[in-house]
Amino acid sequence: MNVKHTENEILTDFILDYSDHLLTPAEERSLRDLMAMCDGTRKFAISGRATASLLRKLPEIRAKEGFEQRMAAAFALELEDETRQANIKNCNNKELIN
């Protein structure tokens, strides 16, 4: 059996939940049955669990004070500029004026 996990969003989400230890016992048994039948799924699930484990070992790094406010302000300015550019473009579009 060969399941294309990269093309199956439900299976990918299922494996991600497996990686984060979020499956119920029944769901984990079902996934383990599938892993026994499909080498690609088994490798993907084992890799996902290993990656999640390594990520949990990384130290938490917090952003500097005010970072979120500065980013929000930068995004707001960017959105304002994009909106202004779109409005200029729409005003120059004769189809919209007539």
C-alpha atoms as a PDB file:
ATOM      1  CA  MET A   1       0.000   0.000   0.000  1.00  0.00           C
ATOM      2  CA  ASN A   2       1.350   3.426  -0.926  1.00  0.00           C
ATOM      3  CA  VAL A   3      -0.404   6.549   0.381  1.00  0.00           C
ATOM      4  CA  LYS A   4       0.670   9.956  -0.904  1.00  0.00           C
ATOM      5  CA  HIS A   5       0.657  11.795   2.415  1.00  0.00           C
ATOM      6  CA  THR A   6       1.840  15.045   0.830  1.00  0.00           C
ATOM      7  CA  GLU A   7      -1.296  15.146  -1.340  1.00  0.00           C
ATOM      8  CA  ASN A   8      -3.706  14.149   1.421  1.00  0.00           C
ATOM      9  CA  GLU A   9      -4.395  17.073   3.766  1.00  0.00           C
ATOM     10  CA  ILE A  10      -6.404  14.966   6.224  1.00  0.00           C
ATOM     11  CA  LEU A  11      -3.636  12.391   6.545  1.00  0.00           C
ATOM     12  CA  THR A  12      -1.006  15.119   6.861  1.00  0.00           C
ATOM     13  CA  ASP A  13      -2.998  16.789   9.666  1.00  0.00           C
ATOM     14  CA  PHE A  14      -3.439  13.389  11.306  1.00  0.00           C
ATOM     15  CA  ILE A  15       0.320  12.797  11.220  1.00  0.00           C
ATOM     16  CA  LEU A  16       1.000  16.283  12.574  1.00  0.00           C
ATOM     17  CA  ASP A  17      -1.343  15.536  15.482  1.00  0.00           C
ATOM     18  CA  TYR A  18       0.532  12.252  15.970  1.00  0.00           C
ATOM     19  CA  SER A  19       3.799  14.212  16.047  1.00  0.00           C
ATOM     20  CA  ASP A  20       2.413  16.454  18.777  1.00  0.00           C
ATOM     21  CA  HIS A  21       0.930  13.517  20.768  1.00  0.00           C
ATOM     22  CA  LEU A  22      -2.615  14.802  20.223  1.00  0.00           C
ATOM     23  CA  LEU A  23      -4.265  11.623  18.894  1.00  0.00           C
ATOM     24  CA  THR A  24      -6.714   9.597  20.915  1.00  0.00           C
ATOM     25  CA  PRO A  25      -5.638   6.003  21.603  1.00  0.00           C
ATOM     26  CA  ALA A  26      -8.022   4.755  18.883  1.00  0.00           C
ATOM     27  CA  GLU A  27      -6.661   7.274  16.347  1.00  0.00           C
ATOM     28  CA  GLU A  28      -3.092   6.332  17.186  1.00  0.00           C
ATOM     29  CA  ARG A  29      -3.886   2.620  16.706  1.00  0.00           C
ATOM     30  CA  SER A  30      -5.407   3.416  13.299  1.00  0.00           C
ATOM     31  CA  LEU A  31      -2.342   5.396  12.285  1.00  0.00           C
ATOM     32  CA  ARG A  32      -0.013   2.657  13.498  1.00  0.00           C
ATOM     33  CA  ASP A  33      -1.992   0.138  11.405  1.00  0.00           C
ATOM     34  CA  LEU A  34      -1.572   2.393   8.363  1.00  0.00           C
ATOM     35  CA  MET A  35       2.129   2.860   9.148  1.00  0.00           C
ATOM     36  CA  ALA A  36       2.532  -0.925   9.203  1.00  0.00           C
ATOM     37  CA  MET A  37       1.070  -1.118   5.681  1.00  0.00           C
ATOM     38  CA  CYS A  38       2.674   1.969   4.136  1.00  0.00           C
ATOM     39  CA  ASP A  39       6.404   2.608   4.355  1.00  0.00           C
ATOM     40  CA  GLY A  40       6.086   6.234   3.170  1.00  0.00           C
ATOM     41  CA  THR A  41       3.505   7.056   5.819  1.00  0.00           C
ATOM     42  CA  ARG A  42       5.614   5.353   8.498  1.00  0.00           C
ATOM     43  CA  LYS A  43       8.708   7.344   7.503  1.00  0.00           C
ATOM     44  CA  PHE A  44       6.734  10.608   7.346  1.00  0.00           C
ATOM     45  CA  ALA A  45       5.147  10.024  10.761  1.00  0.00           C
ATOM     46  CA  ILE A  46       8.433   9.038  12.411  1.00  0.00           C
ATOM     47  CA  SER A  47      10.167  12.042  10.859  1.00  0.00           C
ATOM     48  CA  GLY A  48       7.366  14.355  11.996  1.00  0.00           C
ATOM     49  CA  ARG A  49       7.513  13.055  15.559  1.00  0.00           C
ATOM     50  CA  ALA A  50      11.319  13.400  15.635  1.00  0.00           C
ATOM     51  CA  THR A  51      11.118  16.952  14.301  1.00  0.00           C
ATOM     52  CA  ALA A  52       8.466  17.936  16.849  1.00  0.00           C
ATOM     53  CA  SER A  53      10.589  16.450  19.626  1.00  0.00           C
ATOM     54  CA  LEU A  54      13.648  18.422  18.533  1.00  0.00           C
ATOM     55  CA  LEU A  55      11.657  21.643  18.258  1.00  0.00           C
ATOM     56  CA  ARG A  56      10.354  21.220  21.813  1.00  0.00           C
ATOM     57  CA  LYS A  57      13.982  21.054  23.021  1.00  0.00           C
ATOM     58  CA  LEU A  58      14.862  24.462  21.601  1.00  0.00           C
ATOM     59  CA  PRO A  59      14.958  27.315  24.097  1.00  0.00           C
ATOM     60  CA  GLU A  60      12.097  29.784  23.969  1.00  0.00           C
ATOM     61  CA  ILE A  61      13.273  33.133  22.666  1.00  0.00           C
ATOM     62  CA  ARG A  62      11.086  36.137  23.271  1.00  0.00           C
ATOM     63  CA  ALA A  63      10.965  39.170  21.030  1.00  0.00           C
ATOM     64  CA  LYS A  64      12.241  42.469  22.384  1.00  0.00           C
ATOM     65  CA  GLU A  65       9.811  44.780  24.140  1.00  0.00           C
ATOM     66  CA  GLY A  66       7.611  46.616  21.640  1.00  0.00           C
ATOM     67  CA  PHE A  67       8.365  44.263  18.727  1.00  0.00           C
ATOM     68  CA  GLU A  68       4.731  43.290  18.180  1.00  0.00           C
ATOM     69  CA  GLN A  69       3.619  46.929  18.222  1.00  0.00           C
ATOM     70  CA  ARG A  70       6.330  47.909  15.729  1.00  0.00           C
ATOM     71  CA  MET A  71       5.378  45.022  13.426  1.00  0.00           C
ATOM     72  CA  ALA A  72       1.674  45.899  13.643  1.00  0.00           C
ATOM     73  CA  ALA A  73       2.478  49.516  12.775  1.00  0.00           C
ATOM     74  CA  ALA A  74       4.654  48.436   9.830  1.00  0.00           C
ATOM     75  CA  PHE A  75       1.918  46.139   8.518  1.00  0.00           C
ATOM     76  CA  ALA A  76      -0.680  48.893   8.908  1.00  0.00           C
ATOM     77  CA  LEU A  77       1.486  51.305   6.905  1.00  0.00           C
ATOM     78  CA  GLU A  78       2.060  48.692   4.222  1.00  0.00           C
ATOM     79  CA  LEU A  79      -1.657  47.943   3.981  1.00  0.00           C
ATOM     80  CA  GLU A  80      -2.449  51.653   3.814  1.00  0.00           C
ATOM     81  CA  ASP A  81       0.064  52.102   0.962  1.00  0.00           C
ATOM     82  CA  GLU A  82      -1.323  49.074  -0.923  1.00  0.00           C
ATOM     83  CA  THR A  83      -4.865  50.411  -0.526  1.00  0.00           C
ATOM     84  CA  ARG A  84      -3.785  53.864  -1.730  1.00  0.00           C
ATOM     85  CA  GLN A  85      -2.067  52.342  -4.782  1.00  0.00           C
ATOM     86  CA  ALA A  86      -5.160  50.249  -5.582  1.00  0.00           C
ATOM     87  CA  ASN A  87      -7.405  53.297  -5.262  1.00  0.00           C
ATOM     88  CA  ILE A  88      -5.170  55.301  -7.612  1.00  0.00           C
ATOM     89  CA  LYS A  89      -5.212  52.443 -10.111  1.00  0.00           C
ATOM     90  CA  ASN A  90      -9.009  52.131  -9.863  1.00  0.00           C
ATOM     91  CA  CYS A  91      -9.495  55.882 -10.319  1.00  0.00           C
ATOM     92  CA  ASN A  92      -7.396  55.745 -13.482  1.00  0.00           C
ATOM     93  CA  ASN A  93      -9.500  52.865 -14.797  1.00  0.00           C
ATOM     94  CA  LYS A  94     -12.007  54.510 -17.179  1.00  0.00           C
ATOM     95  CA  GLU A  95     -14.368  51.546 -16.889  1.00  0.00           C
ATOM     96  CA  LEU A  96     -14.963  52.414 -13.257  1.00  0.00           C
ATOM     97  CA  ILE A  97     -15.481  56.114 -13.933  1.00  0.00           C
ATOM     98  CA  ASN A  98     -18.135  55.671 -16.643  1.00  0.00           C
END
